[in-house]
Protein backbone atom coordinates (compact mmCIF):
# COMPACT_ATOMS: atom_id res chain seq x y z
CA UNK A 1 -27.98 8.95 -5.59
CA UNK A 2 -26.43 5.45 -5.91
CA UNK A 3 -22.79 4.80 -6.36
CA UNK A 4 -23.44 3.58 -9.93
CA UNK A 5 -25.45 6.57 -10.84
CA UNK A 6 -22.76 8.91 -9.28
CA UNK A 7 -20.10 7.09 -11.35
CA UNK A 8 -22.04 7.52 -14.56
CA UNK A 9 -22.64 11.28 -13.77
CA UNK A 10 -19.12 12.12 -12.89
CA UNK A 11 -17.00 9.82 -14.96
CA UNK A 12 -15.16 8.75 -11.70
CA UNK A 13 -15.37 5.02 -10.91
CA UNK A 14 -17.79 3.67 -8.34
CA UNK A 15 -14.98 1.98 -6.46
CA UNK A 16 -13.00 5.37 -6.42
CA UNK A 17 -16.01 7.27 -5.08
CA UNK A 18 -16.51 4.62 -2.31
CA UNK A 19 -12.95 4.91 -1.27
CA UNK A 20 -13.22 8.69 -1.06
CA UNK A 21 -16.35 8.27 1.01
CA UNK A 22 -14.61 5.86 3.34
CA UNK A 23 -11.74 8.13 3.75
CA UNK A 24 -9.22 5.86 2.05
CA UNK A 25 -8.54 8.20 -0.93
CA UNK A 26 -7.79 11.97 -1.18
CA UNK A 27 -9.14 13.06 -4.44
CA UNK A 28 -7.27 15.54 -6.64
CA UNK A 29 -8.72 18.84 -7.64
CA UNK A 30 -9.61 17.42 -11.08
CA UNK A 31 -11.59 14.64 -9.50
CA UNK A 32 -13.33 17.05 -7.05
CA UNK A 33 -14.21 19.23 -10.15
CA UNK A 34 -15.68 16.07 -11.93
CA UNK A 35 -17.64 15.11 -8.75
CA UNK A 36 -18.95 18.66 -8.27
CA UNK A 37 -20.10 18.90 -11.96
CA UNK A 38 -21.74 15.50 -11.70
CA UNK A 39 -23.53 16.38 -8.55
CA UNK A 40 -24.61 19.70 -9.80
CA UNK A 41 -22.61 21.72 -7.20
CA UNK A 42 -19.28 23.53 -6.60
CA UNK A 43 -15.99 22.22 -5.26
CA UNK A 44 -16.39 24.81 -2.62
CA UNK A 45 -19.66 23.44 -1.48
CA UNK A 46 -18.41 19.73 -1.58
CA UNK A 47 -15.54 20.81 0.68
CA UNK A 48 -17.79 22.92 3.02
CA UNK A 49 -20.13 20.06 3.55
CA UNK A 50 -17.36 17.46 3.92
CA UNK A 51 -17.04 15.85 7.39
CA UNK A 52 -13.55 16.23 8.97
CA UNK A 53 -12.00 12.96 9.94
């Protein structure tokens, strides 16, 4: 999924999503819930599949 599509699906800006992916932002639980809903998954799965930096 492109950043633009992810932003449209989640209601989270593409810039914010990019900063999360780059490890420059720590999203709140609310943002994680919006991301999970937009990606069709759960917060638990997002966190489980996240790479530890």
